[in-house]
N, C-alpha and C. Protein backbone atom coordinates (compact mmCIF):
# COMPACT_ATOMS: atom_id res chain seq x y z
N MET A 1 1.75 5.46 45.69
CA MET A 1 1.00 4.97 44.87
C MET A 1 0.65 5.15 43.57
N THR A 2 0.65 6.21 42.92
CA THR A 2 0.60 6.12 41.67
C THR A 2 1.17 5.14 41.19
N THR A 3 2.40 5.48 41.35
CA THR A 3 3.70 4.56 40.29
C THR A 3 3.90 2.93 40.87
N ALA A 4 3.13 2.69 42.06
CA ALA A 4 3.63 1.98 42.88
C ALA A 4 2.22 0.45 42.70
N LEU A 5 1.06 1.31 41.48
CA LEU A 5 0.27 0.62 41.54
C LEU A 5 -0.03 0.59 39.65
N ARG A 6 1.36 1.49 38.72
CA ARG A 6 0.61 0.79 37.19
C ARG A 6 0.00 0.09 36.60
N HIS A 7 0.81 -1.07 37.30
CA HIS A 7 1.15 -1.92 36.37
C HIS A 7 -0.73 -2.31 36.96
N VAL A 8 -1.65 -2.16 37.00
CA VAL A 8 -2.82 -2.24 37.53
C VAL A 8 -3.28 -1.40 36.56
N CYS A 9 -5.25 -2.13 35.72
CA CYS A 9 -5.95 -2.19 35.05
C CYS A 9 -6.77 -2.17 35.98
N TRP A 10 -8.11 -1.69 35.52
CA TRP A 10 -8.70 -1.53 36.92
C TRP A 10 -10.90 -1.30 36.36
N ILE A 11 -11.78 -2.34 37.13
CA ILE A 11 -13.03 -2.45 35.82
C ILE A 11 -14.01 -2.55 36.89
N GLY A 12 -14.20 -1.37 37.43
CA GLY A 12 -15.65 -1.26 38.55
C GLY A 12 -16.98 -1.33 38.03
N GLY A 13 -17.84 -1.03 38.57
CA GLY A 13 -19.61 -0.55 37.74
C GLY A 13 -20.04 -1.34 39.07
N GLY A 14 -20.64 -1.38 38.08
CA GLY A 14 -22.79 -2.35 39.10
C GLY A 14 -22.09 -3.47 38.81
N SER A 15 -23.59 -4.20 40.05
CA SER A 15 -23.19 -5.74 39.17
C SER A 15 -24.15 -6.16 38.54
N GLY A 16 -23.90 -7.67 37.95
CA GLY A 16 -23.38 -7.72 36.10
C GLY A 16 -23.88 -6.97 35.44
N SER A 17 -23.08 -6.33 35.06
CA SER A 17 -22.77 -5.77 33.39
C SER A 17 -21.21 -6.34 33.34
N GLY A 18 -20.64 -7.40 33.20
CA GLY A 18 -20.10 -8.01 32.00
C GLY A 18 -18.51 -7.55 32.97
N LYS A 19 -17.94 -7.36 34.19
CA LYS A 19 -16.97 -6.69 34.58
C LYS A 19 -16.01 -8.38 34.36
N SER A 20 -16.17 -8.75 35.11
CA SER A 20 -15.54 -10.23 35.91
C SER A 20 -15.09 -11.26 33.38
N THR A 21 -16.46 -10.43 33.31
CA THR A 21 -16.21 -12.13 31.48
C THR A 21 -15.17 -10.69 31.36
N ILE A 22 -15.55 -8.90 31.58
CA ILE A 22 -14.02 -9.11 30.29
C ILE A 22 -12.93 -8.77 30.92
N ALA A 23 -12.95 -8.87 32.02
CA ALA A 23 -11.03 -8.01 32.81
C ALA A 23 -10.39 -9.27 32.24
N ARG A 24 -11.09 -11.54 32.55
CA ARG A 24 -10.66 -12.45 32.46
C ARG A 24 -10.28 -12.74 30.74
N ARG A 25 -10.88 -11.90 29.75
CA ARG A 25 -10.55 -12.39 28.96
C ARG A 25 -9.55 -11.11 27.87
N LEU A 26 -9.67 -9.78 28.90
CA LEU A 26 -8.22 -9.30 29.08
C LEU A 26 -7.09 -10.17 29.04
N ALA A 27 -7.33 -10.02 30.49
CA ALA A 27 -6.15 -10.60 30.82
C ALA A 27 -5.66 -12.28 30.34
N ALA A 28 -6.57 -12.99 29.59
CA ALA A 28 -5.91 -14.22 28.61
C ALA A 28 -5.57 -13.88 27.08
N GLU A 29 -6.15 -12.36 26.62
CA GLU A 29 -5.62 -12.22 26.08
C GLU A 29 -4.26 -11.23 25.68
N HIS A 30 -3.55 -10.29 26.84
CA HIS A 30 -2.91 -9.56 27.23
C HIS A 30 -1.71 -10.27 27.65
N GLY A 31 -1.78 -11.25 28.45
CA GLY A 31 -1.08 -12.28 30.07
C GLY A 31 -0.92 -11.49 30.53
N LEU A 32 -2.15 -11.37 31.13
CA LEU A 32 -1.81 -10.14 32.42
C LEU A 32 -2.72 -11.36 33.50
N THR A 33 -2.24 -11.28 34.72
CA THR A 33 -3.08 -11.48 35.96
C THR A 33 -4.10 -11.08 36.24
N TYR A 34 -5.39 -11.89 36.64
CA TYR A 34 -6.55 -11.65 37.07
C TYR A 34 -7.15 -11.57 38.70
N TYR A 35 -7.63 -10.13 38.44
CA TYR A 35 -7.28 -10.47 40.07
C TYR A 35 -9.31 -10.26 40.07
N GLY A 36 -9.92 -10.24 40.78
CA GLY A 36 -11.42 -10.43 40.85
C GLY A 36 -11.64 -10.37 42.76
N THR A 37 -12.22 -9.00 42.60
CA THR A 37 -12.52 -8.57 44.11
C THR A 37 -13.33 -9.89 44.33
N ASP A 38 -14.33 -10.06 43.75
CA ASP A 38 -15.05 -10.44 44.81
C ASP A 38 -14.78 -12.27 45.13
N ASP A 39 -13.73 -12.58 44.54
CA ASP A 39 -12.92 -13.78 45.53
C ASP A 39 -12.34 -13.17 47.03
N VAL A 40 -11.89 -12.53 47.14
CA VAL A 40 -11.49 -12.60 48.26
C VAL A 40 -11.72 -11.02 49.28
N MET A 41 -13.74 -11.56 48.74
CA MET A 41 -14.35 -10.50 49.72
C MET A 41 -14.13 -11.53 51.44
N ARG A 42 -14.35 -12.74 50.85
CA ARG A 42 -14.63 -13.32 52.38
C ARG A 42 -13.48 -13.38 53.02
N GLU A 43 -12.06 -13.43 52.53
CA GLU A 43 -10.27 -13.01 53.30
C GLU A 43 -10.46 -12.03 53.93
N HIS A 44 -10.43 -10.96 53.32
CA HIS A 44 -10.25 -9.79 53.36
C HIS A 44 -12.01 -9.65 55.12
N ALA A 45 -13.24 -10.10 55.11
CA ALA A 45 -13.65 -10.06 56.29
C ALA A 45 -12.73 -10.45 57.21
N ALA A 46 -12.24 -11.61 57.43
CA ALA A 46 -11.89 -11.76 57.67
C ALA A 46 -10.54 -11.38 58.31
N ARG A 47 -9.31 -10.49 58.05
CA ARG A 47 -8.60 -10.03 58.37
C ARG A 47 -9.36 -8.26 58.54
N THR A 48 -10.11 -8.52 58.64
CA THR A 48 -10.65 -7.26 59.24
C THR A 48 -11.15 -7.00 61.05
N THR A 49 -11.23 -5.80 61.38
CA THR A 49 -11.54 -5.70 63.10
C THR A 49 -13.04 -5.20 63.57
N ALA A 50 -13.24 -5.20 63.75
CA ALA A 50 -15.36 -4.46 64.12
C ALA A 50 -14.53 -3.34 64.48
N GLU A 51 -13.79 -2.50 64.70
CA GLU A 51 -12.90 -1.20 64.82
C GLU A 51 -12.90 -0.64 63.09
N GLU A 52 -12.25 -0.98 62.16
CA GLU A 52 -11.94 -0.11 61.75
C GLU A 52 -13.15 -0.63 60.14
N SER A 53 -14.25 -2.05 60.57
CA SER A 53 -15.15 -1.79 59.85
C SER A 53 -16.44 -2.62 60.57
N PRO A 54 -16.54 -2.00 60.47
CA PRO A 54 -18.24 -1.29 62.09
C PRO A 54 -19.15 -2.48 60.72
N TYR A 55 -19.28 -1.69 59.87
CA TYR A 55 -20.59 -2.28 59.08
C TYR A 55 -19.99 -3.38 58.69
N LEU A 56 -18.72 -4.11 57.77
CA LEU A 56 -19.14 -5.05 58.45
C LEU A 56 -19.56 -6.56 59.31
N HIS A 57 -18.70 -5.91 60.70
CA HIS A 57 -19.24 -6.26 61.58
C HIS A 57 -20.49 -6.63 61.52
N ALA A 58 -20.98 -5.48 61.42
CA ALA A 58 -22.42 -5.44 62.18
C ALA A 58 -23.28 -6.40 60.60
N PHE A 59 -22.94 -6.39 59.59
CA PHE A 59 -23.79 -7.42 58.48
C PHE A 59 -23.83 -8.95 58.86
N LEU A 60 -22.41 -8.94 59.75
CA LEU A 60 -21.60 -10.65 59.67
C LEU A 60 -22.61 -11.52 60.62
N GLY A 61 -23.35 -9.50 61.69
CA GLY A 61 -23.72 -10.80 63.24
C GLY A 61 -25.76 -10.18 62.66
N MET A 62 -26.48 -9.97 61.52
CA MET A 62 -27.30 -9.96 61.13
C MET A 62 -27.87 -11.89 60.47
N SER A 63 -28.73 -12.12 61.07
CA SER A 63 -29.93 -13.64 59.89
C SER A 63 -29.57 -12.35 58.41
N MET A 64 -29.75 -13.94 57.56
CA MET A 64 -30.31 -13.29 55.94
C MET A 64 -31.47 -12.78 56.14
N ASP A 65 -32.75 -12.96 56.51
CA ASP A 65 -33.96 -12.30 56.93
C ASP A 65 -33.53 -10.89 56.96
N GLU A 66 -32.95 -10.00 57.98
CA GLU A 66 -32.08 -8.48 58.10
C GLU A 66 -31.47 -8.38 57.19
N ARG A 67 -30.38 -8.99 56.95
CA ARG A 67 -30.22 -9.07 55.74
C ARG A 67 -30.52 -8.29 54.02
N TRP A 68 -31.52 -9.17 54.27
CA TRP A 68 -32.00 -9.05 52.44
C TRP A 68 -33.84 -8.72 52.39
N ALA A 69 -34.59 -9.20 53.10
CA ALA A 69 -35.60 -8.87 53.45
C ALA A 69 -36.40 -8.05 54.09
N ASP A 70 -35.69 -7.66 55.78
CA ASP A 70 -36.74 -6.78 56.33
C ASP A 70 -36.27 -5.10 56.32
N ARG A 71 -35.11 -5.11 55.37
CA ARG A 71 -35.00 -3.85 55.00
C ARG A 71 -35.11 -2.92 53.79
N SER A 72 -34.71 -2.31 53.85
CA SER A 72 -35.61 -1.25 52.50
C SER A 72 -34.35 -1.21 51.59
N PRO A 73 -34.38 -1.46 50.23
CA PRO A 73 -33.28 -1.00 49.22
C PRO A 73 -32.40 0.06 49.94
N ARG A 74 -33.38 0.85 50.06
CA ARG A 74 -31.91 2.26 50.23
C ARG A 74 -30.89 2.07 51.65
N THR A 75 -31.68 1.58 52.73
CA THR A 75 -31.15 1.24 54.66
C THR A 75 -29.59 0.23 53.61
N MET A 76 -30.39 -0.63 52.67
CA MET A 76 -29.23 -1.63 52.27
C MET A 76 -28.71 -1.10 51.69
N LEU A 77 -28.59 -0.48 50.92
CA LEU A 77 -27.69 0.14 50.21
C LEU A 77 -26.48 1.45 50.62
N GLU A 78 -27.22 1.77 51.88
CA GLU A 78 -26.25 2.83 52.66
C GLU A 78 -26.07 1.98 53.78
N THR A 79 -26.06 0.61 54.04
CA THR A 79 -25.40 0.40 55.40
C THR A 79 -24.37 -1.06 54.24
N PHE A 80 -23.99 -1.32 53.40
CA PHE A 80 -23.53 -2.27 52.36
C PHE A 80 -22.18 -1.91 52.73
N HIS A 81 -21.11 -2.67 53.55
CA HIS A 81 -19.78 -2.26 53.72
C HIS A 81 -19.54 -1.98 53.08
N TRP A 82 -19.01 -2.90 51.49
CA TRP A 82 -18.72 -3.33 50.16
C TRP A 82 -19.08 -1.52 50.28
N TYR A 83 -20.07 -1.00 50.54
CA TYR A 83 -19.90 0.02 49.29
C TYR A 83 -19.31 1.36 49.90
N ARG A 84 -18.86 0.80 51.04
CA ARG A 84 -18.67 2.31 52.01
C ARG A 84 -17.33 2.33 51.92
N GLY A 85 -16.64 0.80 51.16
CA GLY A 85 -15.28 1.06 51.11
C GLY A 85 -14.46 0.21 52.20
N GLU A 86 -14.99 -0.02 52.93
CA GLU A 86 -14.63 -1.13 54.26
C GLU A 86 -13.77 -2.32 53.27
N GLY A 87 -12.39 -2.70 53.32
CA GLY A 87 -11.80 -3.28 53.32
C GLY A 87 -10.49 -2.85 52.28
N PHE A 88 -11.38 -1.90 52.11
CA PHE A 88 -10.67 -1.43 50.14
C PHE A 88 -9.28 -1.56 50.17
N HIS A 89 -8.85 -1.13 51.21
CA HIS A 89 -6.64 -1.24 51.85
C HIS A 89 -5.99 -2.12 51.32
N LEU A 90 -6.98 -3.05 51.96
CA LEU A 90 -6.70 -4.77 51.39
C LEU A 90 -6.47 -5.04 49.96
N ILE A 91 -7.15 -4.70 49.00
CA ILE A 91 -7.53 -4.52 47.55
C ILE A 91 -5.91 -4.22 47.39
N VAL A 92 -5.68 -2.88 48.00
CA VAL A 92 -4.59 -2.76 47.14
C VAL A 92 -3.19 -2.82 47.98
N GLU A 93 -2.71 -3.64 49.17
CA GLU A 93 -2.62 -4.41 49.58
C GLU A 93 -2.33 -5.79 48.15
N ASP A 94 -3.12 -6.46 48.58
CA ASP A 94 -3.20 -7.37 47.72
C ASP A 94 -2.13 -7.02 46.09
N LEU A 95 -2.94 -5.46 45.31
CA LEU A 95 -1.98 -5.32 43.91
C LEU A 95 -0.88 -4.94 44.37
N LEU A 96 -0.48 -4.98 44.90
CA LEU A 96 1.42 -3.89 45.88
C LEU A 96 1.99 -5.71 45.40
N ALA A 97 1.26 -6.61 46.20
CA ALA A 97 1.94 -7.61 45.64
C ALA A 97 2.07 -8.86 44.12
N VAL A 98 1.42 -8.16 43.69
CA VAL A 98 0.89 -9.37 42.23
C VAL A 98 2.54 -7.94 41.82
N GLU A 99 3.72 -9.46 41.02
CA GLU A 99 4.21 -8.77 40.27
C GLU A 99 3.73 -9.30 38.55
N GLY A 100 3.87 -8.30 37.84
CA GLY A 100 3.23 -7.65 36.38
C GLY A 100 2.21 -6.90 36.16
N GLY A 101 0.93 -6.94 35.00
CA GLY A 101 0.33 -6.43 34.56
C GLY A 101 -0.74 -7.47 35.30
N VAL A 102 -1.60 -7.35 36.52
CA VAL A 102 -2.88 -6.91 36.40
C VAL A 102 -4.46 -6.36 35.87
N VAL A 103 -5.44 -7.11 36.04
CA VAL A 103 -6.67 -6.49 35.49
C VAL A 103 -7.46 -6.97 36.71
N ALA A 104 -7.47 -5.20 37.21
CA ALA A 104 -8.92 -5.89 38.69
C ALA A 104 -10.32 -5.54 38.42
N GLU A 105 -10.81 -6.32 38.68
CA GLU A 105 -12.50 -6.46 38.48
C GLU A 105 -13.16 -5.98 40.00
N GLY A 106 -14.38 -5.23 40.14
CA GLY A 106 -15.44 -6.02 41.01
C GLY A 106 -16.73 -4.41 40.87
N PHE A 107 -17.44 -5.19 42.10
CA PHE A 107 -17.92 -3.22 42.82
C PHE A 107 -17.60 -2.85 43.20
N ARG A 108 -16.51 -3.71 44.13
CA ARG A 108 -14.85 -2.74 45.23
C ARG A 108 -15.10 -1.17 44.83
N LEU A 109 -14.76 -1.39 43.62
CA LEU A 109 -14.11 -0.93 42.95
C LEU A 109 -14.04 0.84 43.04
N LEU A 110 -14.84 1.21 43.33
CA LEU A 110 -15.46 2.92 44.23
C LEU A 110 -14.67 3.41 42.76
N PRO A 111 -15.58 4.75 42.78
CA PRO A 111 -14.05 5.66 41.99
C PRO A 111 -13.70 6.71 42.74
N HIS A 112 -14.31 6.81 43.95
CA HIS A 112 -13.91 8.21 44.53
C HIS A 112 -12.16 7.55 44.99
N LEU A 113 -12.68 5.77 44.79
CA LEU A 113 -11.20 5.20 45.52
C LEU A 113 -9.99 4.86 44.80
N VAL A 114 -11.18 4.73 43.87
CA VAL A 114 -9.23 4.44 42.77
C VAL A 114 -8.80 5.47 41.83
N ALA A 115 -9.27 6.51 41.39
CA ALA A 115 -9.51 7.85 40.40
C ALA A 115 -8.26 8.32 41.17
N PRO A 116 -7.90 8.54 42.83
CA PRO A 116 -6.49 8.43 43.03
C PRO A 116 -5.61 8.21 43.05
N LEU A 117 -5.31 6.79 42.84
CA LEU A 117 -4.09 5.76 41.94
C LEU A 117 -4.24 5.53 41.09
N THR A 118 -4.92 6.15 39.99
CA THR A 118 -4.68 5.47 38.86
C THR A 118 -5.59 6.97 37.83
N ASP A 119 -4.84 5.97 35.83
CA ASP A 119 -5.88 7.03 35.07
C ASP A 119 -6.20 5.96 34.12
N ARG A 120 -5.79 4.39 34.06
CA ARG A 120 -6.03 3.12 33.59
C ARG A 120 -7.74 2.73 34.34
N ALA A 121 -8.59 2.76 34.23
CA ALA A 121 -9.67 2.85 35.16
C ALA A 121 -11.03 3.18 34.38
N VAL A 122 -12.06 2.53 34.17
CA VAL A 122 -13.37 2.50 33.74
C VAL A 122 -14.54 1.65 34.54
N TRP A 123 -15.98 1.85 34.32
CA TRP A 123 -16.71 1.92 35.19
C TRP A 123 -17.40 0.96 34.27
N LEU A 124 -18.53 -0.30 34.22
CA LEU A 124 -19.49 -0.48 33.83
C LEU A 124 -20.56 -0.75 34.00
N LEU A 125 -21.57 0.45 33.29
CA LEU A 125 -23.03 0.27 34.23
C LEU A 125 -24.09 -0.30 33.28
N PRO A 126 -25.19 -0.98 34.21
CA PRO A 126 -25.90 -1.88 33.18
C PRO A 126 -27.70 -1.45 33.67
N THR A 127 -28.07 -2.04 32.55
CA THR A 127 -29.22 -1.03 32.96
C THR A 127 -30.13 -2.35 33.23
N PRO A 128 -31.28 -1.55 34.37
CA PRO A 128 -31.70 -2.87 35.27
C PRO A 128 -31.75 -4.19 34.20
N GLU A 129 -32.96 -4.61 33.48
CA GLU A 129 -32.84 -5.92 32.87
C GLU A 129 -31.80 -6.18 31.63
N PHE A 130 -30.56 -5.54 31.39
CA PHE A 130 -29.32 -6.46 31.71
C PHE A 130 -28.28 -6.99 32.69
N ARG A 131 -29.20 -5.93 33.94
CA ARG A 131 -28.86 -7.08 35.62
C ARG A 131 -29.74 -8.03 35.20
N THR A 132 -30.82 -7.93 34.94
CA THR A 132 -31.55 -8.99 35.32
C THR A 132 -31.20 -10.38 34.55
N ALA A 133 -30.82 -10.21 33.48
CA ALA A 133 -31.02 -11.11 32.31
C ALA A 133 -29.33 -12.23 32.36
N ALA A 134 -28.30 -11.13 33.66
CA ALA A 134 -27.53 -11.26 33.66
C ALA A 134 -27.37 -11.74 34.83
N PHE A 135 -28.30 -11.56 36.22
CA PHE A 135 -28.24 -12.61 36.81
C PHE A 135 -28.81 -13.72 36.93
N ASP A 136 -30.18 -14.05 36.00
CA ASP A 136 -30.82 -15.22 35.15
C ASP A 136 -30.07 -16.38 35.19
N ALA A 137 -29.20 -15.72 34.13
CA ALA A 137 -28.77 -16.38 33.85
C ALA A 137 -27.40 -17.37 34.81
N ARG A 138 -26.73 -16.55 35.44
CA ARG A 138 -26.05 -16.96 36.23
C ARG A 138 -26.07 -18.16 36.69
N GLY A 139 -27.55 -17.76 37.58
CA GLY A 139 -27.98 -18.31 38.73
C GLY A 139 -27.45 -18.56 40.98
N ILE A 140 -26.36 -17.69 40.51
CA ILE A 140 -25.33 -17.63 41.52
C ILE A 140 -26.24 -16.26 43.27
N PRO A 141 -25.73 -15.13 41.82
CA PRO A 141 -27.40 -14.54 42.48
C PRO A 141 -28.81 -14.52 44.12
N TRP A 142 -29.16 -15.24 42.75
CA TRP A 142 -30.85 -16.32 43.10
C TRP A 142 -30.76 -16.55 44.98
N ALA A 143 -29.35 -17.53 44.86
CA ALA A 143 -28.86 -18.81 45.97
C ALA A 143 -29.16 -17.46 46.93
N ILE A 144 -28.81 -15.71 47.19
CA ILE A 144 -28.96 -14.66 48.18
C ILE A 144 -30.92 -15.02 48.81
N PRO A 145 -31.41 -15.35 47.77
CA PRO A 145 -32.76 -14.40 48.44
C PRO A 145 -33.82 -15.88 49.31
N ALA A 146 -33.17 -16.63 47.89
CA ALA A 146 -33.10 -18.09 48.50
C ALA A 146 -33.54 -18.13 50.02
N GLN A 147 -32.19 -17.98 50.24
CA GLN A 147 -32.23 -18.32 52.35
C GLN A 147 -32.61 -17.67 52.86
N THR A 148 -33.65 -17.00 52.57
CA THR A 148 -34.52 -16.50 53.70
C THR A 148 -36.03 -16.79 53.89
N THR A 149 -37.22 -16.47 54.36
CA THR A 149 -38.00 -16.76 54.46
C THR A 149 -39.55 -16.68 53.24
N ASP A 150 -38.88 -14.79 52.85
CA ASP A 150 -39.32 -14.52 52.02
C ASP A 150 -38.74 -13.87 50.16
N TYR A 151 -38.64 -15.05 49.60
CA TYR A 151 -37.69 -15.11 48.70
C TYR A 151 -38.08 -13.71 47.22
N ARG A 152 -39.02 -13.91 47.23
CA ARG A 152 -39.45 -12.40 45.70
C ARG A 152 -39.15 -11.39 47.38
N ARG A 153 -39.36 -10.77 48.00
CA ARG A 153 -38.98 -9.90 48.88
C ARG A 153 -37.85 -9.35 48.82
N ALA A 154 -37.36 -11.11 49.55
CA ALA A 154 -35.69 -10.83 49.43
C ALA A 154 -35.25 -10.29 47.72
N ARG A 155 -35.12 -10.38 46.45
CA ARG A 155 -35.20 -10.64 45.37
C ARG A 155 -35.92 -9.33 44.89
N ARG A 156 -36.46 -8.68 45.03
CA ARG A 156 -37.17 -7.38 44.75
C ARG A 156 -35.82 -6.58 45.74
N ASN A 157 -35.57 -6.57 46.26
CA ASN A 157 -34.92 -6.09 47.72
C ASN A 157 -33.57 -5.81 46.47
N LEU A 158 -32.42 -7.23 46.68
CA LEU A 158 -31.43 -7.02 45.87
C LEU A 158 -31.03 -6.20 44.63
N LEU A 159 -32.20 -6.32 43.97
CA LEU A 159 -32.42 -5.74 42.41
C LEU A 159 -32.30 -4.08 42.52
N GLU A 160 -33.34 -4.08 43.25
CA GLU A 160 -33.69 -1.95 43.97
C GLU A 160 -32.65 -1.46 43.79
N ARG A 161 -31.35 -2.57 44.94
CA ARG A 161 -30.48 -1.98 46.12
C ARG A 161 -28.98 -2.02 44.58
N ASP A 162 -29.26 -3.09 43.72
CA ASP A 162 -27.90 -2.78 43.31
C ASP A 162 -28.35 -2.04 41.95
N ARG A 163 -29.93 -1.85 41.35
CA ARG A 163 -29.81 -0.16 40.20
C ARG A 163 -29.60 0.98 41.10
N LEU A 164 -29.91 1.47 42.86
CA LEU A 164 -29.72 2.30 43.32
C LEU A 164 -27.77 2.21 43.33
N PHE A 165 -27.32 1.46 43.76
CA PHE A 165 -25.63 1.69 43.81
C PHE A 165 -25.00 1.69 42.30
N THR A 166 -26.12 1.10 40.57
CA THR A 166 -25.30 1.34 40.03
C THR A 166 -25.82 2.89 39.75
N GLU A 167 -27.17 3.63 39.74
CA GLU A 167 -26.42 5.02 39.87
C GLU A 167 -25.71 5.96 41.00
N ARG A 168 -25.68 5.32 41.72
CA ARG A 168 -24.67 5.76 42.77
C ARG A 168 -23.27 6.48 42.00
N ILE A 169 -23.16 5.02 41.50
CA ILE A 169 -22.03 5.18 40.63
C ILE A 169 -21.77 5.91 39.23
N ARG A 170 -22.87 5.64 38.56
CA ARG A 170 -23.52 6.70 37.31
C ARG A 170 -23.05 8.18 37.93
N ALA A 171 -23.92 8.32 38.88
CA ALA A 171 -23.68 10.80 39.27
C ALA A 171 -22.21 10.33 39.94
N GLU A 172 -21.17 9.49 40.13
CA GLU A 172 -19.96 9.75 40.96
C GLU A 172 -19.19 10.03 39.59
N THR A 173 -19.07 8.83 38.53
CA THR A 173 -17.64 8.80 37.59
C THR A 173 -18.23 10.40 36.64
N ALA A 174 -19.53 10.45 36.73
CA ALA A 174 -20.02 11.92 35.93
C ALA A 174 -19.23 13.42 36.73
N ARG A 175 -19.47 13.22 37.98
CA ARG A 175 -18.48 13.83 39.28
C ARG A 175 -17.21 13.87 39.03
N LEU A 176 -16.78 13.00 38.75
CA LEU A 176 -14.94 13.60 39.22
C LEU A 176 -14.94 12.60 37.58
N ASN A 177 -15.53 12.95 36.50
CA ASN A 177 -15.08 12.96 35.34
C ASN A 177 -14.18 11.98 34.89
N LEU A 178 -14.89 10.31 35.03
CA LEU A 178 -14.46 9.44 35.21
C LEU A 178 -15.11 8.36 33.62
N PRO A 179 -13.98 7.12 32.92
CA PRO A 179 -14.94 6.91 31.75
C PRO A 179 -16.16 5.77 32.75
N ALA A 180 -16.46 5.76 32.26
CA ALA A 180 -17.92 4.94 32.65
C ALA A 180 -18.74 4.82 31.00
N ILE A 181 -19.10 2.67 30.27
CA ILE A 181 -20.15 2.62 29.39
C ILE A 181 -20.81 2.11 30.28
N GLU A 182 -22.18 2.87 29.44
CA GLU A 182 -23.25 1.83 29.82
C GLU A 182 -23.35 0.54 28.95
N VAL A 183 -24.00 -0.30 29.58
CA VAL A 183 -24.17 -1.63 29.18
C VAL A 183 -25.45 -1.72 29.02
N ASP A 184 -26.33 -2.29 28.09
CA ASP A 184 -28.09 -3.01 27.58
C ASP A 184 -27.27 -4.63 26.97
N ALA A 185 -28.56 -4.66 26.41
CA ALA A 185 -29.14 -5.57 25.70
C ALA A 185 -28.60 -5.90 24.52
N THR A 186 -27.70 -4.16 23.91
CA THR A 186 -27.97 -4.06 22.49
C THR A 186 -25.69 -4.64 22.10
N THR A 187 -25.52 -4.63 24.02
CA THR A 187 -24.00 -4.71 23.94
C THR A 187 -23.53 -5.57 23.59
N THR A 188 -22.30 -5.51 22.07
CA THR A 188 -22.19 -6.81 22.58
C THR A 188 -20.74 -7.10 23.56
N GLU A 189 -19.89 -8.50 23.37
CA GLU A 189 -18.99 -8.32 24.19
C GLU A 189 -17.54 -7.78 24.03
N ASP A 190 -18.03 -8.82 22.74
CA ASP A 190 -16.42 -7.83 21.61
C ASP A 190 -16.16 -6.23 21.56
N THR A 191 -17.99 -5.79 21.67
CA THR A 191 -17.89 -4.22 21.80
C THR A 191 -16.82 -4.03 23.32
N LEU A 192 -17.47 -4.42 24.23
CA LEU A 192 -17.12 -3.85 25.35
C LEU A 192 -16.35 -4.02 25.77
N THR A 193 -16.05 -5.43 25.47
CA THR A 193 -13.87 -5.66 25.08
C THR A 193 -13.17 -4.19 24.63
N ALA A 194 -13.31 -4.19 23.87
CA ALA A 194 -12.99 -3.11 23.01
C ALA A 194 -12.41 -1.85 23.21
N GLN A 195 -14.20 -1.71 23.98
CA GLN A 195 -13.93 0.25 25.07
C GLN A 195 -13.32 -0.04 26.07
N VAL A 196 -13.40 -1.27 26.96
CA VAL A 196 -12.64 -1.27 27.68
C VAL A 196 -11.01 -1.72 27.69
N SER A 197 -10.90 -2.30 26.73
CA SER A 197 -9.29 -1.97 26.35
C SER A 197 -8.42 -0.49 24.97
N ALA A 198 -9.83 0.42 25.14
CA ALA A 198 -8.94 1.48 24.72
C ALA A 198 -8.95 1.97 25.89
N ILE A 199 -9.57 2.13 27.23
CA ILE A 199 -9.66 2.73 28.33
C ILE A 199 -8.09 2.26 28.64
N VAL A 200 -8.25 1.11 29.72
CA VAL A 200 -6.97 0.16 30.92
C VAL A 200 -6.35 0.31 30.06
N LEU A 201 -5.68 -0.59 29.20
CA LEU A 201 -4.90 -0.56 28.06
C LEU A 201 -3.87 0.87 28.69
N PRO A 202 -2.21 0.51 28.53
CA PRO A 202 -1.57 1.26 27.84
C PRO A 202 -0.74 0.67 27.03
N ARG A 203 -1.11 2.65 26.06
CA ARG A 203 -1.08 2.92 24.97
C ARG A 203 0.51 2.80 24.13
N PRO A 204 0.35 1.66 23.80
CA PRO A 204 2.34 2.22 22.91
C PRO A 204 1.62 3.84 22.21
N PRO A 205 4.00 4.13 22.00
CA PRO A 205 3.46 5.14 21.66
C PRO A 205 3.78 5.60 19.73
N ARG A 206 2.74 6.03 19.27
CA ARG A 206 2.72 6.65 18.18
C ARG A 206 3.98 6.33 16.74
N SER A 207 3.76 5.68 15.98
CA SER A 207 4.70 5.47 14.50
C SER A 207 5.51 6.75 15.27
N GLY A 208 6.38 6.98 15.05
CA GLY A 208 7.98 8.73 15.08
C GLY A 208 7.65 8.96 16.07
N SER A 209 6.55 8.71 16.93
CA SER A 209 7.36 9.91 18.11
C SER A 209 8.01 8.72 19.27
N PRO A 210 8.89 9.10 19.51
CA PRO A 210 10.50 8.64 20.58
C PRO A 210 9.90 8.16 22.33
N PRO A 211 10.17 7.24 22.37
CA PRO A 211 9.52 6.96 23.59
C PRO A 211 9.15 7.42 24.79
N VAL A 212 8.44 6.68 25.28
CA VAL A 212 8.58 7.51 27.30
C VAL A 212 8.96 7.30 28.35
N HIS A 213 10.27 7.40 28.76
CA HIS A 213 10.84 6.56 29.23
C HIS A 213 10.32 7.62 31.02
N ARG A 214 10.08 5.95 31.49
CA ARG A 214 10.09 6.46 33.42
C ARG A 214 10.94 6.61 34.21
N GLY A 215 11.73 6.51 34.05
CA GLY A 215 12.60 6.49 34.56
C GLY A 215 14.01 5.82 34.13
N PRO A 216 15.46 5.87 35.37
CA PRO A 216 16.06 5.23 34.96
C PRO A 216 15.85 3.99 34.56
N GLU A 217 16.47 2.93 34.02
CA GLU A 217 16.11 1.15 33.94
C GLU A 217 17.24 0.17 34.08
């Protein structure tokens, strides 16, 4: 599987960390296909069964208040289907079908699931301030709490759940000794792009070094 997926660069991390911005830029600059895991969530949800994705199907049966306002952020974290890796095999299936280089991004790329597949992956860890500013700029995430009967509570729950998720990714990348980049208000797009590129893009042979042959041409 590692060989089959060697055409993929992986960018995971917390929500609002700039994953999609950096991935789209790398794809454009290096002639790669962009693959956003957020873009296929609805399709992947439709391709799963309750037996293989119980948390997803429990979530689908909830009202918006039950999802975002009535439960604690900790419970939301522990029971959110994508955070538990449900549907990750569908991401892998999609990527195996893409020809040529791919840059894949999204919070669904959990460290313990991606690490066995590649050494070309990085996780972005936004500060709470950076995340809130990113969400305010986009506006889209706030459409979720707006669909509940308690906007302020749902918004607060969503931010805290995402903070807890980022802390989980931080701990997991540290435990597995995987690359992670802290993203705060001082981080520029150019700097972050350069840092990510240095980790996930294939490295050309050093001048004077013999080329590395991976198998018969």
